[in-house]
Amino acid sequence: MQKQSINKIKLGIFVAIGIALFLAGIYYIGETKKLFSTTFRISAMFKDVNGLQVGNNVRFAGINVGTIEAIEIITDSTVKVDMILDVKTQKFIKKDAKAIIGSDGLMGNKIMNVSPGTTAFAMVENNDMIGTTIPISLDDMLLKLKNTTDNAALITDDLAAIMGNIRSGKGTIGKLFMDTVFADNLDKTIINVKQGTKGFKQNMDAAKGSFLLRGFFNKKDKKTKKDKK
């Protein structure tokens, strides 16, 4: 008899714990889905929802404020997304607010981010339609990254080919760099230019000291000083 009483007590404790856990689970899900708080509904139109699903979170200023209530295909290029939000956030969301689909982390679930809009507009009302911003999908980012990588590889191959031609003396640039005769002639030309410039300077100095041209150079110097002033 005493053993049966103990078993009944254990059973009652087990049932009580089970009911408590069940109620806690319901409360948690209700809080997450905003079932026990006053809510309002807004909608947005998208061309592509990028894997967004009913029940995904809606975030405002990085805080979960609601969930996706329904996703409906309107036309072949339009998808309507209905959101249920906590009424406490309604006063912060204006009629020019924008909705954009994002991800919860790099590979996490899709979420809806709602921007507040500007103070020049009134706050949204229940069942209002807000604007949207086209999100950049991960597939598009990977495709652009692949194209960039392919282009970089092509440029690297072209540069390697050009440098190979230069080293082997092919092409005009290769001949300029690798032709020793041309290099010697270029050095001689530079030396001759320097010598010619030096001789020209000496001739000009001599002309300045000449009796016939001294007046001309003096006038020129005075005019230069006057222009500088």
C-alpha atoms as a PDB file:
ATOM      1  CA  MET A   1       0.000   0.000   0.000  1.00  0.00           C
ATOM      2  CA  GLN A   2       2.779   2.366   0.918  1.00  0.00           C
ATOM      3  CA  LYS A   3       4.629   1.390  -2.279  1.00  0.00           C
ATOM      4  CA  GLN A   4       1.583   2.252  -4.400  1.00  0.00           C
ATOM      5  CA  SER A   5       1.337   5.682  -2.735  1.00  0.00           C
ATOM      6  CA  ILE A   6       4.980   6.372  -3.517  1.00  0.00           C
ATOM      7  CA  ASN A   7       4.447   5.373  -7.158  1.00  0.00           C
ATOM      8  CA  LYS A   8       1.417   7.656  -7.408  1.00  0.00           C
ATOM      9  CA  ILE A   9       3.421  10.536  -5.972  1.00  0.00           C
ATOM     10  CA  LYS A  10       6.225   9.928  -8.486  1.00  0.00           C
ATOM     11  CA  LEU A  11       3.693   9.744 -11.307  1.00  0.00           C
ATOM     12  CA  GLY A  12       2.078  12.982 -10.163  1.00  0.00           C
ATOM     13  CA  ILE A  13       5.460  14.755 -10.031  1.00  0.00           C
ATOM     14  CA  PHE A  14       6.334  13.457 -13.498  1.00  0.00           C
ATOM     15  CA  VAL A  15       2.980  14.623 -14.926  1.00  0.00           C
ATOM     16  CA  ALA A  16       3.351  18.027 -13.245  1.00  0.00           C
ATOM     17  CA  ILE A  17       6.854  18.482 -14.723  1.00  0.00           C
ATOM     18  CA  GLY A  18       5.563  17.448 -18.138  1.00  0.00           C
ATOM     19  CA  ILE A  19       2.698  19.934 -17.993  1.00  0.00           C
ATOM     20  CA  ALA A  20       5.056  22.693 -16.830  1.00  0.00           C
ATOM     21  CA  LEU A  21       7.456  22.013 -19.704  1.00  0.00           C
ATOM     22  CA  PHE A  22       4.545  21.918 -22.153  1.00  0.00           C
ATOM     23  CA  LEU A  23       3.214  25.271 -20.926  1.00  0.00           C
ATOM     24  CA  ALA A  24       6.721  26.779 -21.019  1.00  0.00           C
ATOM     25  CA  GLY A  25       7.137  25.597 -24.598  1.00  0.00           C
ATOM     26  CA  ILE A  26       3.800  27.092 -25.611  1.00  0.00           C
ATOM     27  CA  TYR A  27       4.703  30.369 -23.927  1.00  0.00           C
ATOM     28  CA  TYR A  28       8.116  30.486 -25.630  1.00  0.00           C
ATOM     29  CA  ILE A  29       6.633  29.762 -29.058  1.00  0.00           C
ATOM     30  CA  GLY A  30       3.866  32.289 -28.445  1.00  0.00           C
ATOM     31  CA  GLU A  31       6.355  34.974 -27.469  1.00  0.00           C
ATOM     32  CA  THR A  32       8.508  34.193 -30.478  1.00  0.00           C
ATOM     33  CA  LYS A  33       5.552  34.292 -32.853  1.00  0.00           C
ATOM     34  CA  LYS A  34       3.954  37.276 -31.064  1.00  0.00           C
ATOM     35  CA  LEU A  35       0.806  35.234 -30.209  1.00  0.00           C
ATOM     36  CA  PHE A  36       0.325  36.815 -26.789  1.00  0.00           C
ATOM     37  CA  SER A  37       1.027  40.453 -27.702  1.00  0.00           C
ATOM     38  CA  THR A  38      -0.862  43.064 -29.695  1.00  0.00           C
ATOM     39  CA  THR A  39       0.311  43.086 -33.303  1.00  0.00           C
ATOM     40  CA  PHE A  40      -0.242  44.836 -36.595  1.00  0.00           C
ATOM     41  CA  ARG A  41       0.269  43.686 -40.169  1.00  0.00           C
ATOM     42  CA  ILE A  42       2.295  45.213 -43.013  1.00  0.00           C
ATOM     43  CA  SER A  43       3.075  43.818 -46.454  1.00  0.00           C
ATOM     44  CA  ALA A  44       5.758  44.180 -49.118  1.00  0.00           C
ATOM     45  CA  MET A  45       6.130  43.129 -52.762  1.00  0.00           C
ATOM     46  CA  PHE A  46       9.207  41.320 -54.048  1.00  0.00           C
ATOM     47  CA  LYS A  47      10.301  39.829 -57.355  1.00  0.00           C
ATOM     48  CA  ASP A  48      12.233  37.074 -55.561  1.00  0.00           C
ATOM     49  CA  VAL A  49      12.060  36.145 -51.860  1.00  0.00           C
ATOM     50  CA  ASN A  50      15.406  34.253 -51.987  1.00  0.00           C
ATOM     51  CA  GLY A  51      14.246  31.316 -49.867  1.00  0.00           C
ATOM     52  CA  LEU A  52      12.293  33.316 -47.270  1.00  0.00           C
ATOM     53  CA  GLN A  53       9.713  31.124 -45.506  1.00  0.00           C
ATOM     54  CA  VAL A  54       6.604  31.580 -43.393  1.00  0.00           C
ATOM     55  CA  GLY A  55       7.612  31.834 -39.745  1.00  0.00           C
ATOM     56  CA  ASN A  56      10.991  33.481 -40.376  1.00  0.00           C
ATOM     57  CA  ASN A  57      11.846  36.427 -38.165  1.00  0.00           C
ATOM     58  CA  VAL A  58      11.300  40.089 -38.992  1.00  0.00           C
ATOM     59  CA  ARG A  59      13.931  42.426 -37.554  1.00  0.00           C
ATOM     60  CA  PHE A  60      13.858  46.127 -36.843  1.00  0.00           C
ATOM     61  CA  ALA A  61      17.108  47.812 -35.725  1.00  0.00           C
ATOM     62  CA  GLY A  62      18.607  44.332 -35.262  1.00  0.00           C
ATOM     63  CA  ILE A  63      15.819  43.185 -32.894  1.00  0.00           C
ATOM     64  CA  ASN A  64      13.283  40.454 -33.627  1.00  0.00           C
ATOM     65  CA  VAL A  65       9.944  42.294 -33.677  1.00  0.00           C
ATOM     66  CA  GLY A  66       7.746  39.906 -35.639  1.00  0.00           C
ATOM     67  CA  THR A  67       7.445  37.021 -38.056  1.00  0.00           C
ATOM     68  CA  ILE A  68       6.518  36.293 -41.644  1.00  0.00           C
ATOM     69  CA  GLU A  69       2.805  35.460 -41.662  1.00  0.00           C
ATOM     70  CA  ALA A  70       2.226  34.573 -45.309  1.00  0.00           C
ATOM     71  CA  ILE A  71       3.977  34.468 -48.692  1.00  0.00           C
ATOM     72  CA  GLU A  72       1.759  34.612 -51.769  1.00  0.00           C
ATOM     73  CA  ILE A  73       2.630  34.579 -55.472  1.00  0.00           C
ATOM     74  CA  ILE A  74       0.679  37.384 -57.132  1.00  0.00           C
ATOM     75  CA  THR A  75       2.085  37.245 -60.676  1.00  0.00           C
ATOM     76  CA  ASP A  76       4.993  35.573 -62.426  1.00  0.00           C
ATOM     77  CA  SER A  77       7.252  38.435 -61.250  1.00  0.00           C
ATOM     78  CA  THR A  78       5.597  39.547 -58.000  1.00  0.00           C
ATOM     79  CA  VAL A  79       5.504  37.874 -54.584  1.00  0.00           C
ATOM     80  CA  LYS A  80       3.593  39.390 -51.669  1.00  0.00           C
ATOM     81  CA  VAL A  81       5.014  38.959 -48.172  1.00  0.00           C
ATOM     82  CA  ASP A  82       2.784  39.614 -45.125  1.00  0.00           C
ATOM     83  CA  MET A  83       4.483  40.404 -41.801  1.00  0.00           C
ATOM     84  CA  ILE A  84       3.099  40.413 -38.267  1.00  0.00           C
ATOM     85  CA  LEU A  85       4.914  42.927 -36.030  1.00  0.00           C
ATOM     86  CA  ASP A  86       4.717  43.916 -32.386  1.00  0.00           C
ATOM     87  CA  VAL A  87       2.552  47.025 -32.061  1.00  0.00           C
ATOM     88  CA  LYS A  88       5.232  48.641 -29.864  1.00  0.00           C
ATOM     89  CA  THR A  89       7.378  49.145 -32.973  1.00  0.00           C
ATOM     90  CA  GLN A  90       4.616  50.693 -35.085  1.00  0.00           C
ATOM     91  CA  LYS A  91       5.362  54.289 -34.041  1.00  0.00           C
ATOM     92  CA  PHE A  92       8.974  53.933 -35.191  1.00  0.00           C
ATOM     93  CA  ILE A  93       8.158  52.614 -38.682  1.00  0.00           C
ATOM     94  CA  LYS A  94       7.186  55.294 -41.200  1.00  0.00           C
ATOM     95  CA  LYS A  95       5.278  54.983 -44.455  1.00  0.00           C
ATOM     96  CA  ASP A  96       8.501  55.336 -46.485  1.00  0.00           C
ATOM     97  CA  ALA A  97      10.114  52.399 -44.648  1.00  0.00           C
ATOM     98  CA  LYS A  98      11.841  49.738 -46.735  1.00  0.00           C
ATOM     99  CA  ALA A  99      11.908  45.965 -46.370  1.00  0.00           C
ATOM    100  CA  ILE A 100      14.917  43.928 -47.475  1.00  0.00           C
ATOM    101  CA  ILE A 101      15.547  40.191 -47.258  1.00  0.00           C
ATOM    102  CA  GLY A 102      18.755  39.200 -45.473  1.00  0.00           C
ATOM    103  CA  SER A 103      20.370  36.228 -43.770  1.00  0.00           C
ATOM    104  CA  ASP A 104      20.863  35.391 -40.114  1.00  0.00           C
ATOM    105  CA  GLY A 105      24.625  35.057 -40.441  1.00  0.00           C
ATOM    106  CA  LEU A 106      26.498  33.920 -43.542  1.00  0.00           C
ATOM    107  CA  MET A 107      24.623  30.631 -43.984  1.00  0.00           C
ATOM    108  CA  GLY A 108      21.720  31.127 -41.547  1.00  0.00           C
ATOM    109  CA  ASN A 109      17.968  31.303 -42.108  1.00  0.00           C
ATOM    110  CA  LYS A 110      16.507  34.086 -44.188  1.00  0.00           C
ATOM    111  CA  ILE A 111      15.108  37.053 -42.283  1.00  0.00           C
ATOM    112  CA  MET A 112      13.259  40.244 -43.169  1.00  0.00           C
ATOM    113  CA  ASN A 113      14.893  43.525 -42.180  1.00  0.00           C
ATOM    114  CA  VAL A 114      12.671  46.605 -41.952  1.00  0.00           C
ATOM    115  CA  SER A 115      14.198  50.095 -42.024  1.00  0.00           C
ATOM    116  CA  PRO A 116      12.507  52.873 -40.010  1.00  0.00           C
ATOM    117  CA  GLY A 117      12.022  55.419 -42.817  1.00  0.00           C
ATOM    118  CA  THR A 118      12.172  59.192 -42.259  1.00  0.00           C
ATOM    119  CA  THR A 119      10.395  61.444 -39.796  1.00  0.00           C
ATOM    120  CA  ALA A 120       8.875  63.438 -42.675  1.00  0.00           C
ATOM    121  CA  PHE A 121       6.294  60.673 -43.101  1.00  0.00           C
ATOM    122  CA  ALA A 122       3.577  59.437 -40.754  1.00  0.00           C
ATOM    123  CA  MET A 123       3.837  56.046 -39.068  1.00  0.00           C
ATOM    124  CA  VAL A 124       2.549  52.985 -40.882  1.00  0.00           C
ATOM    125  CA  GLU A 125      -0.975  51.772 -40.296  1.00  0.00           C
ATOM    126  CA  ASN A 126      -2.343  48.272 -40.059  1.00  0.00           C
ATOM    127  CA  ASN A 127      -2.310  46.433 -43.424  1.00  0.00           C
ATOM    128  CA  ASP A 128      -0.088  49.114 -45.036  1.00  0.00           C
ATOM    129  CA  MET A 129       2.157  48.278 -47.978  1.00  0.00           C
ATOM    130  CA  ILE A 130       5.794  49.394 -47.631  1.00  0.00           C
ATOM    131  CA  GLY A 131       8.544  49.663 -50.208  1.00  0.00           C
ATOM    132  CA  THR A 132      11.301  47.125 -50.803  1.00  0.00           C
ATOM    133  CA  THR A 133      14.988  47.050 -51.591  1.00  0.00           C
ATOM    134  CA  ILE A 134      16.362  44.411 -53.944  1.00  0.00           C
ATOM    135  CA  PRO A 135      18.787  42.204 -51.967  1.00  0.00           C
ATOM    136  CA  ILE A 136      22.082  40.929 -53.345  1.00  0.00           C
ATOM    137  CA  SER A 137      21.885  37.156 -53.347  1.00  0.00           C
ATOM    138  CA  LEU A 138      24.786  34.925 -52.370  1.00  0.00           C
ATOM    139  CA  ASP A 139      24.674  33.315 -55.814  1.00  0.00           C
ATOM    140  CA  ASP A 140      25.158  36.702 -57.504  1.00  0.00           C
ATOM    141  CA  MET A 141      28.064  37.508 -55.194  1.00  0.00           C
ATOM    142  CA  LEU A 142      29.739  34.176 -55.927  1.00  0.00           C
ATOM    143  CA  LEU A 143      29.201  34.648 -59.673  1.00  0.00           C
ATOM    144  CA  LYS A 144      30.784  38.129 -59.593  1.00  0.00           C
ATOM    145  CA  LEU A 145      33.668  36.786 -57.517  1.00  0.00           C
ATOM    146  CA  LYS A 146      34.205  33.985 -60.039  1.00  0.00           C
ATOM    147  CA  ASN A 147      34.212  36.454 -62.955  1.00  0.00           C
ATOM    148  CA  THR A 148      36.710  38.657 -61.129  1.00  0.00           C
ATOM    149  CA  THR A 149      38.942  35.667 -60.420  1.00  0.00           C
ATOM    150  CA  ASP A 150      38.771  34.533 -64.059  1.00  0.00           C
ATOM    151  CA  ASN A 151      39.656  38.031 -65.302  1.00  0.00           C
ATOM    152  CA  ALA A 152      42.557  38.241 -62.856  1.00  0.00           C
ATOM    153  CA  ALA A 153      43.841  34.881 -64.107  1.00  0.00           C
ATOM    154  CA  LEU A 154      43.673  36.069 -67.735  1.00  0.00           C
ATOM    155  CA  ILE A 155      45.507  39.294 -66.902  1.00  0.00           C
ATOM    156  CA  THR A 156      48.199  37.323 -65.058  1.00  0.00           C
ATOM    157  CA  ASP A 157      48.650  35.010 -68.043  1.00  0.00           C
ATOM    158  CA  ASP A 158      48.936  37.998 -70.400  1.00  0.00           C
ATOM    159  CA  LEU A 159      51.517  39.685 -68.180  1.00  0.00           C
ATOM    160  CA  ALA A 160      53.515  36.461 -67.982  1.00  0.00           C
ATOM    161  CA  ALA A 161      53.486  36.189 -71.792  1.00  0.00           C
ATOM    162  CA  ILE A 162      54.563  39.824 -72.198  1.00  0.00           C
ATOM    163  CA  MET A 163      57.423  39.439 -69.724  1.00  0.00           C
ATOM    164  CA  GLY A 164      58.485  36.245 -71.486  1.00  0.00           C
ATOM    165  CA  ASN A 165      58.622  38.081 -74.827  1.00  0.00           C
ATOM    166  CA  ILE A 166      60.610  40.915 -73.269  1.00  0.00           C
ATOM    167  CA  ARG A 167      63.150  38.511 -71.774  1.00  0.00           C
ATOM    168  CA  SER A 168      63.554  36.730 -75.109  1.00  0.00           C
ATOM    169  CA  GLY A 169      63.923  40.036 -76.991  1.00  0.00           C
ATOM    170  CA  LYS A 170      60.712  39.695 -78.999  1.00  0.00           C
ATOM    171  CA  GLY A 171      58.699  42.734 -80.007  1.00  0.00           C
ATOM    172  CA  THR A 172      59.711  46.391 -79.945  1.00  0.00           C
ATOM    173  CA  ILE A 173      59.962  46.613 -76.152  1.00  0.00           C
ATOM    174  CA  GLY A 174      61.927  43.383 -75.987  1.00  0.00           C
ATOM    175  CA  LYS A 175      64.411  44.651 -78.549  1.00  0.00           C
ATOM    176  CA  LEU A 176      64.767  47.930 -76.692  1.00  0.00           C
ATOM    177  CA  PHE A 177      65.593  46.126 -73.468  1.00  0.00           C
ATOM    178  CA  MET A 178      67.647  43.229 -74.821  1.00  0.00           C
ATOM    179  CA  ASP A 179      69.493  44.775 -77.820  1.00  0.00           C
ATOM    180  CA  THR A 180      72.979  45.672 -76.508  1.00  0.00           C
ATOM    181  CA  VAL A 181      73.855  47.613 -79.677  1.00  0.00           C
ATOM    182  CA  PHE A 182      70.803  49.802 -79.293  1.00  0.00           C
ATOM    183  CA  ALA A 183      71.645  50.318 -75.626  1.00  0.00           C
ATOM    184  CA  ASP A 184      75.205  51.423 -76.498  1.00  0.00           C
ATOM    185  CA  ASN A 185      73.911  53.806 -79.156  1.00  0.00           C
ATOM    186  CA  LEU A 186      71.388  55.226 -76.705  1.00  0.00           C
ATOM    187  CA  ASP A 187      74.132  55.820 -74.127  1.00  0.00           C
ATOM    188  CA  LYS A 188      76.281  57.564 -76.750  1.00  0.00           C
ATOM    189  CA  THR A 189      73.349  59.706 -77.848  1.00  0.00           C
ATOM    190  CA  ILE A 190      72.679  60.804 -74.292  1.00  0.00           C
ATOM    191  CA  ILE A 191      76.357  61.668 -73.820  1.00  0.00           C
ATOM    192  CA  ASN A 192      76.351  63.706 -77.056  1.00  0.00           C
ATOM    193  CA  VAL A 193      73.210  65.541 -75.961  1.00  0.00           C
ATOM    194  CA  LYS A 194      74.834  66.403 -72.634  1.00  0.00           C
ATOM    195  CA  GLN A 195      77.984  67.613 -74.379  1.00  0.00           C
ATOM    196  CA  GLY A 196      75.945  69.645 -76.862  1.00  0.00           C
ATOM    197  CA  THR A 197      73.942  71.207 -74.055  1.00  0.00           C
ATOM    198  CA  LYS A 198      77.158  72.103 -72.237  1.00  0.00           C
ATOM    199  CA  GLY A 199      78.635  73.644 -75.381  1.00  0.00           C
ATOM    200  CA  PHE A 200      75.428  75.597 -76.052  1.00  0.00           C
ATOM    201  CA  LYS A 201      75.563  76.994 -72.499  1.00  0.00           C
ATOM    202  CA  GLN A 202      79.170  78.039 -73.010  1.00  0.00           C
ATOM    203  CA  ASN A 203      78.256  79.777 -76.257  1.00  0.00           C
ATOM    204  CA  MET A 204      75.386  81.614 -74.558  1.00  0.00           C
ATOM    205  CA  ASP A 205      77.668  82.752 -71.737  1.00  0.00           C
ATOM    206  CA  ALA A 206      80.150  84.005 -74.295  1.00  0.00           C
ATOM    207  CA  ALA A 207      77.386  85.811 -76.215  1.00  0.00           C
ATOM    208  CA  LYS A 208      76.270  87.583 -73.043  1.00  0.00           C
ATOM    209  CA  GLY A 209      79.783  88.962 -72.611  1.00  0.00           C
ATOM    210  CA  SER A 210      79.926  90.162 -76.218  1.00  0.00           C
ATOM    211  CA  PHE A 211      79.865  93.946 -76.751  1.00  0.00           C
ATOM    212  CA  LEU A 212      77.318  93.671 -79.555  1.00  0.00           C
ATOM    213  CA  LEU A 213      74.800  91.470 -77.687  1.00  0.00           C
ATOM    214  CA  ARG A 214      75.316  92.753 -74.134  1.00  0.00           C
ATOM    215  CA  GLY A 215      72.574  95.375 -74.442  1.00  0.00           C
ATOM    216  CA  PHE A 216      70.077  92.828 -75.743  1.00  0.00           C
ATOM    217  CA  PHE A 217      70.619  90.430 -72.841  1.00  0.00           C
ATOM    218  CA  ASN A 218      70.499  93.271 -70.289  1.00  0.00           C
ATOM    219  CA  LYS A 219      67.108  94.393 -71.615  1.00  0.00           C
ATOM    220  CA  LYS A 220      65.884  90.820 -71.531  1.00  0.00           C
ATOM    221  CA  ASP A 221      66.992  90.365 -67.899  1.00  0.00           C
ATOM    222  CA  LYS A 222      65.286  93.608 -66.844  1.00  0.00           C
ATOM    223  CA  LYS A 223      62.062  92.581 -68.549  1.00  0.00           C
ATOM    224  CA  THR A 224      62.168  89.170 -66.811  1.00  0.00           C
ATOM    225  CA  LYS A 225      62.649  90.774 -63.392  1.00  0.00           C
ATOM    226  CA  LYS A 226      59.786  93.210 -64.088  1.00  0.00           C
ATOM    227  CA  ASP A 227      57.424  90.381 -65.076  1.00  0.00           C
ATOM    228  CA  LYS A 228      58.279  88.491 -61.871  1.00  0.00           C
ATOM    229  CA  LYS A 229      57.345  91.556 -59.778  1.00  0.00           C
END
